[in-house]
Protein backbone atom coordinates (compact mmCIF):
# COMPACT_ATOMS: atom_id res chain seq x y z
CA MET A 1 214.71 133.35 80.77
CA ARG A 2 216.12 131.12 78.58
CA GLN A 3 219.35 131.64 79.75
CA ARG A 4 219.01 131.44 82.87
CA GLN A 5 217.48 127.74 82.25
CA LYS A 6 220.96 126.92 80.21
CA ILE A 7 223.36 128.18 83.19
CA GLN A 8 221.29 126.31 85.17
CA LYS A 9 221.64 122.95 83.14
CA MET A 10 225.30 123.85 83.27
CA LEU A 11 225.30 124.44 86.85
CA ARG A 12 223.73 121.26 87.27
CA SER A 13 225.68 119.04 85.23
CA GLY A 14 228.56 120.01 86.76
CA VAL A 15 230.06 122.29 84.43
CA ARG A 16 231.15 125.92 85.24
CA PRO A 17 230.44 128.15 82.80
CA ASN A 18 232.62 131.51 82.97
CA PHE A 19 230.03 133.37 81.26
CA ILE A 20 227.32 134.01 84.18
CA ASN A 21 225.86 138.08 84.40
CA THR A 22 226.68 137.78 88.05
CA ILE A 23 224.99 140.06 90.05
CA HIS A 24 226.76 142.53 92.27
CA ALA A 25 224.26 144.09 95.08
CA THR A 26 224.80 146.76 97.76
CA VAL A 27 223.84 146.62 101.19
CA ASP A 28 223.58 148.41 104.23
CA ALA A 29 225.75 145.43 106.48
CA ASN A 30 223.28 146.56 109.60
CA ASN A 31 220.01 147.02 107.51
CA PRO A 32 220.13 145.05 104.56
CA ASP A 33 217.42 145.55 101.86
CA SER A 34 214.70 142.81 101.63
CA ALA A 35 214.41 142.82 98.19
CA VAL A 36 218.06 141.80 97.67
CA VAL A 37 218.00 139.17 100.65
CA GLY A 38 215.09 137.75 98.78
CA GLN A 39 216.48 137.87 95.38
CA ALA A 40 219.75 136.18 97.13
CA ALA A 41 217.04 133.51 99.08
CA GLU A 42 215.62 132.62 95.94
CA ILE A 43 219.60 131.66 93.76
CA LEU A 44 219.53 129.56 97.04
CA ARG A 45 217.06 127.84 96.72
CA GLN A 46 217.11 127.09 92.91
CA GLY A 47 220.94 125.82 93.66
CA GLY A 48 222.66 128.48 92.85
CA LEU A 49 225.53 130.28 94.43
CA VAL A 50 225.94 133.67 96.32
CA ALA A 51 228.66 135.16 97.97
CA PHE A 52 228.04 137.62 101.05
CA PRO A 53 229.71 139.19 104.11
CA THR A 54 230.13 137.44 107.26
CA GLU A 55 231.55 138.47 110.98
CA THR A 56 234.66 136.39 110.08
CA VAL A 57 235.48 137.00 106.50
CA TYR A 58 233.10 136.75 102.67
CA GLY A 59 231.29 133.10 102.82
CA LEU A 60 230.36 131.33 99.44
CA GLY A 61 226.78 130.07 100.61
CA VAL A 62 224.93 127.44 98.91
CA ASN A 63 221.87 125.05 100.08
CA ALA A 64 224.03 122.69 101.98
CA GLN A 65 221.32 119.57 101.41
CA ASP A 66 221.30 120.08 97.68
CA ALA A 67 224.48 117.99 96.99
CA GLU A 68 224.49 118.96 93.32
CA ALA A 69 224.97 122.77 94.26
CA VAL A 70 226.93 121.61 97.04
CA ALA A 71 228.97 119.25 94.66
CA ARG A 72 229.57 122.98 92.57
CA VAL A 73 231.04 124.90 95.39
CA TYR A 74 234.02 122.97 95.45
CA GLN A 75 233.92 122.83 91.42
CA VAL A 76 233.67 126.80 91.55
CA LYS A 77 236.63 127.26 94.21
CA GLY A 78 238.96 124.36 93.07
CA ARG A 79 238.28 122.87 96.69
CA PRO A 80 239.90 119.64 97.51
CA SER A 81 236.78 117.19 97.92
CA ASP A 82 237.64 116.43 101.46
CA ASN A 83 237.67 119.21 102.60
CA PRO A 84 234.67 120.22 105.00
CA LEU A 85 232.33 122.75 105.03
CA ILE A 86 230.51 124.48 107.48
CA TRP A 87 226.75 124.59 107.58
CA HIS A 88 225.10 127.48 109.12
CA GLY A 89 221.80 128.33 110.68
CA ASN A 90 220.06 130.87 113.04
CA SER A 91 219.76 128.53 115.69
CA LEU A 92 221.15 125.36 117.95
CA GLY A 93 217.93 123.85 117.04
CA ALA A 94 218.36 124.26 113.62
CA PHE A 95 220.48 121.44 113.58
CA GLU A 96 218.88 119.17 115.89
CA ASN A 97 217.54 116.69 113.06
CA VAL A 98 220.74 116.66 111.19
CA VAL A 99 223.22 116.28 114.05
CA SER A 100 222.91 112.84 116.52
CA GLU A 101 223.58 114.33 120.03
CA ILE A 102 224.34 117.86 121.04
CA ALA A 103 226.49 117.19 123.88
CA VAL A 104 226.49 119.51 127.29
CA ALA A 105 229.74 120.90 126.45
CA ALA A 106 227.83 122.25 122.75
CA GLN A 107 225.32 123.80 124.76
CA LYS A 108 227.45 125.96 127.29
CA LEU A 109 229.43 127.15 124.34
CA ALA A 110 226.47 127.81 121.86
CA ASP A 111 224.90 130.12 124.64
CA ILE A 112 228.06 131.80 125.73
CA PHE A 113 229.62 132.46 121.87
CA TRP A 114 226.56 131.90 119.30
CA PRO A 115 225.47 133.87 117.45
CA GLY A 116 229.14 134.11 116.58
CA PRO A 117 232.65 133.08 115.11
CA LEU A 118 232.63 129.67 116.65
CA THR A 119 232.00 126.54 114.64
CA LEU A 120 231.38 123.23 116.21
CA VAL A 121 232.09 119.43 115.60
CA LEU A 122 229.04 117.23 116.18
CA PRO A 123 228.12 113.65 115.12
CA ARG A 124 225.97 112.68 112.61
CA PRO A 125 223.12 110.12 113.29
CA SER A 126 225.56 108.16 109.76
CA GLY A 127 228.61 108.05 112.00
CA GLN A 128 230.37 110.77 110.33
CA THR A 129 230.61 114.21 111.12
CA LEU A 130 229.22 117.89 110.67
CA ALA A 131 230.67 121.32 111.10
CA ILE A 132 227.72 124.11 112.48
CA ARG A 133 228.24 127.74 113.16
CA VAL A 134 225.41 130.41 113.91
CA PRO A 135 226.27 133.33 112.54
CA SER A 136 225.59 137.57 113.86
CA HIS A 137 225.99 138.93 110.87
CA PRO A 138 222.47 140.78 110.15
CA VAL A 139 223.29 139.57 106.15
CA THR A 140 223.94 136.42 106.81
CA ARG A 141 221.12 135.78 109.29
CA ALA A 142 218.48 137.58 107.25
CA ILE A 143 219.51 135.35 103.99
CA ILE A 144 219.67 132.21 105.97
CA ALA A 145 215.99 132.86 107.33
CA ALA A 146 214.41 134.40 103.65
CA SER A 147 215.69 130.71 101.95
CA GLY A 148 214.50 128.95 104.73
CA CYS A 149 217.54 126.60 104.33
CA LEU A 150 220.72 125.45 105.91
CA ILE A 151 223.47 127.41 104.76
CA ALA A 152 226.82 125.75 103.75
CA ALA A 153 229.18 128.16 103.60
CA PRO A 154 232.84 128.06 103.17
CA SER A 155 234.98 130.75 102.50
CA ALA A 156 234.28 132.64 99.00
CA ASN A 157 237.74 132.64 97.33
CA ILE A 158 239.88 129.90 95.25
CA SER A 159 241.04 127.74 97.53
CA GLY A 160 244.28 127.99 99.08
CA ARG A 161 244.24 132.03 98.20
CA PRO A 162 244.10 134.51 101.24
CA SER A 163 240.78 134.69 102.46
CA PRO A 164 238.43 137.15 101.10
CA THR A 165 237.20 140.11 103.57
CA LYS A 166 235.58 142.70 101.06
CA ALA A 167 233.49 142.01 98.28
CA LYS A 168 236.39 143.05 95.66
CA HIS A 169 238.59 140.24 96.68
CA VAL A 170 235.23 137.68 96.42
CA MET A 171 235.37 139.77 92.58
CA GLU A 172 238.63 139.00 91.83
CA ASP A 173 238.24 135.63 92.13
CA LEU A 174 234.48 134.47 91.20
CA ASP A 175 233.34 136.90 89.30
CA GLY A 176 231.43 135.03 86.55
CA ALA A 177 231.52 131.83 88.66
CA ILE A 178 228.36 132.53 90.58
CA GLU A 179 225.18 133.93 90.56
CA MET A 180 225.41 136.82 92.83
CA ILE A 181 227.45 139.05 95.17
CA ILE A 182 226.43 140.80 98.31
CA ASP A 183 228.53 143.80 99.45
CA GLY A 184 228.47 144.52 102.46
CA GLY A 185 231.65 146.51 103.55
CA SER A 186 234.73 144.66 105.41
CA ALA A 187 234.01 141.81 106.94
CA GLN A 188 233.84 142.14 110.53
CA ASN A 189 236.51 140.13 112.36
CA GLY A 190 238.92 139.03 109.17
CA LEU A 191 239.76 135.71 110.09
CA GLU A 192 237.85 132.65 109.92
CA SER A 193 235.67 131.17 112.83
CA THR A 194 237.22 129.18 115.74
CA VAL A 195 236.84 125.53 115.50
CA VAL A 196 236.17 123.18 118.52
CA ASP A 197 235.82 119.84 117.94
CA LEU A 198 233.24 118.39 120.39
CA HIS A 199 232.54 114.64 118.34
CA THR A 200 234.41 112.53 120.60
CA GLY A 201 233.34 114.14 123.99
CA LYS A 202 237.14 115.59 124.57
CA PRO A 203 237.09 119.52 123.27
CA ARG A 204 239.70 119.87 120.01
CA LEU A 205 240.54 123.07 119.22
CA LEU A 206 241.21 122.45 115.36
CA ARG A 207 241.19 126.17 113.86
CA PRO A 208 241.54 129.36 116.45
CA GLY A 209 239.85 132.50 115.97
CA ALA A 210 238.56 135.19 117.28
CA VAL A 211 237.06 132.91 119.92
CA THR A 212 240.10 132.45 121.48
CA LEU A 213 241.63 129.46 123.40
CA GLU A 214 241.14 130.92 126.91
CA MET A 215 237.77 131.69 126.53
CA LEU A 216 237.12 128.11 125.30
CA GLN A 217 239.08 127.49 128.60
CA ASP A 218 237.39 129.49 131.01
CA VAL A 219 233.93 127.44 129.78
CA LEU A 220 235.51 124.03 129.37
CA GLY A 221 238.61 123.87 130.99
CA GLU A 222 241.04 121.32 129.38
CA VAL A 223 240.84 121.87 125.69
CA GLU A 224 243.12 119.35 123.24
CA CYS A 225 245.23 122.33 120.79
CA PRO A 226 247.13 120.58 118.11
CA GLN A 227 249.95 122.14 116.45
CA PRO A 228 249.21 123.35 112.90
CA SER A 229 252.10 120.37 111.62
CA ASP A 230 249.71 118.09 112.87
CA ASP A 231 246.50 118.70 110.09
CA LEU A 232 248.61 117.64 107.52
CA LYS A 233 248.42 114.57 109.19
CA GLU A 234 244.38 114.54 109.19
CA SER A 235 243.71 111.44 106.18
CA ALA A 236 239.94 113.10 106.64
CA PRO A 237 240.12 116.58 108.09
CA LEU A 238 237.13 117.18 110.36
CA SER A 239 237.46 120.92 109.60
CA PRO A 240 237.87 123.61 107.08
CA GLY A 241 241.67 124.71 107.48
CA MET A 242 242.78 121.62 108.24
CA LYS A 243 245.83 119.13 106.37
CA TYR A 244 245.79 121.77 102.79
CA ARG A 245 247.73 124.85 102.47
CA HIS A 246 245.66 127.78 103.06
CA TYR A 247 245.71 131.99 102.77
CA ALA A 248 248.69 131.80 100.46
CA PRO A 249 249.53 134.55 98.55
CA LYS A 250 251.57 134.76 94.89
CA ALA A 251 254.55 135.89 96.53
CA PRO A 252 256.42 133.55 99.06
CA LEU A 253 255.61 134.65 102.80
CA ILE A 254 258.58 134.46 105.24
CA LEU A 255 257.63 133.95 108.50
CA VAL A 256 259.92 135.51 110.93
CA VAL A 257 259.73 134.09 114.49
CA GLY A 258 261.19 135.75 117.54
CA GLY A 259 262.56 138.62 116.14
CA ASP A 260 261.39 142.20 115.84
CA SER A 261 260.60 144.96 113.88
CA ALA A 262 264.00 146.24 113.41
CA ALA A 263 264.83 142.34 112.61
CA VAL A 264 262.23 141.74 110.32
CA SER A 265 263.51 144.96 108.72
CA ASP A 266 267.04 143.82 108.53
CA ILE A 267 265.91 140.61 106.19
CA ALA A 268 263.89 143.43 104.13
CA GLU A 269 266.63 144.62 103.36
CA SER A 270 268.91 142.03 102.92
CA TYR A 271 266.27 140.71 99.55
CA THR A 272 265.83 144.67 98.58
CA ALA A 273 269.63 144.70 98.54
CA LYS A 274 269.52 141.95 95.52
CA GLY A 275 266.98 143.98 93.32
CA GLN A 276 263.55 142.18 94.74
CA LYS A 277 260.23 144.22 95.29
CA ILE A 278 259.38 143.15 99.25
CA GLY A 279 256.58 143.50 101.03
CA VAL A 280 256.61 144.05 105.06
CA LEU A 281 254.14 143.02 107.36
CA ALA A 282 255.59 144.89 110.98
CA THR A 283 253.12 143.42 113.31
CA SER A 284 254.36 145.11 116.33
CA GLN A 285 252.79 148.57 115.19
CA TYR A 286 249.09 146.92 115.18
CA LEU A 287 247.30 145.53 117.95
CA LEU A 288 246.30 142.14 117.92
CA ASP A 289 242.92 142.96 116.98
CA ASP A 290 243.73 145.35 114.20
CA ILE A 291 246.25 142.64 112.28
CA ALA A 292 243.43 139.80 112.65
CA HIS A 293 241.15 142.71 110.90
CA ILE A 294 243.74 143.50 107.94
CA LEU A 295 245.94 140.86 107.52
CA PHE A 296 244.03 139.06 104.59
CA ASP A 297 243.63 142.61 102.92
CA ARG A 298 247.33 142.80 103.10
CA LEU A 299 247.99 139.98 101.71
CA ARG A 300 246.12 140.39 98.79
CA GLN A 301 247.07 144.06 98.20
CA PHE A 302 250.63 142.74 98.07
CA ASP A 303 249.73 140.57 94.96
CA GLU A 304 248.11 143.31 93.56
CA ASP A 305 251.27 145.17 94.17
CA GLY A 306 253.49 142.76 92.78
CA VAL A 307 255.94 141.87 95.09
CA SER A 308 258.24 138.73 94.52
CA THR A 309 258.61 138.22 98.85
CA ILE A 310 256.60 139.27 101.52
CA ILE A 311 258.43 139.69 104.97
CA ALA A 312 256.27 138.66 107.49
CA GLU A 313 256.82 139.22 111.68
CA GLY A 314 255.38 136.86 113.78
CA VAL A 315 253.25 137.56 116.93
CA LYS A 316 252.80 135.72 120.83
CA GLU A 317 250.70 132.84 120.39
CA GLU A 318 248.53 133.86 122.70
CA GLY A 319 244.74 134.65 122.57
CA ILE A 320 243.52 136.12 119.03
CA GLY A 321 247.78 135.72 118.31
CA LEU A 322 247.27 132.39 118.07
CA ALA A 323 244.51 132.54 115.15
CA ILE A 324 247.12 134.96 113.14
CA MET A 325 249.99 132.71 113.98
CA ASN A 326 248.18 129.81 112.51
CA ARG A 327 247.31 131.59 109.46
CA LEU A 328 250.64 133.29 108.63
CA LYS A 329 251.96 129.72 109.15
CA LYS A 330 250.11 127.98 107.17
CA ALA A 331 250.40 130.67 104.49
CA ALA A 332 254.53 131.09 105.01
CA ALA A 333 256.54 129.16 102.24
CA GLU A 334 259.40 129.57 105.08
CA VAL A 335 259.67 129.95 108.58
CA ILE A 336 262.64 131.91 110.57
CA THR A 337 263.39 131.35 113.91
CA LEU A 338 265.70 133.95 115.51
């Protein structure tokens, strides 16, 4: 008990202790153990941090309305202070007291895509904005319900690194720095949620994901779709995934656009001829949904393999391909257009 109190005192003072005895628990993703869920909920209520699987990637959860705990999320991740967090609840009604308006467009999207991998940016009474989501993963929903909290949950990794889709990825980055890691197997989609800005009344896609641009347009009609380069101009980003470089492996990633697997192979061979150890993402071998599911895992595997350069084949920017290319462009050190 004294050790726990000491740790809690350090956490409250903003110090990141490297000696936390992180609790590791494994659960059935579809039927999580109630004792594990209860332990996670108690940690969250006490201001601690819990990593858990979602249908997108692994999230690093904290009581969203505990300012000191939220500040610690930024410290542990090394996250820029102006990079906003997404709040998670189990229904649209859970957010009624923290947003100033739930627009008709928001209700339409919620009715169709929630619970699921869609985040909505809505206005707050303060004049600021808030990104909110209702997740579908049974583990996430059970923890939200048991904690009685709205949970802020960015991806459970060091900022800038490829997002974690397995518990082992979380352990690589955060073991010893957070209170609990729950292993529920691989994340389902493999990419972070789609983010739509509705706070001005004109829908704008801030981050593509499994809920595609085409799916949004079927519901809302016109949806603005800024280019990734526009994100860097945002002085105060409305959503995670904007402004800052994200998803980057340790080795420089070269993204090849407009070629085929043969062209990617030729470029890779030119680097191999220089004596470099190369990692290749030849996307034409896979269905787009499969690429989305394994993308971050492969980037982290290249880190483990110690490659010196990664050559990635681009995909068509339609459907889920838009989200895949968004992540690859953010991760790329160089883009080659053929």
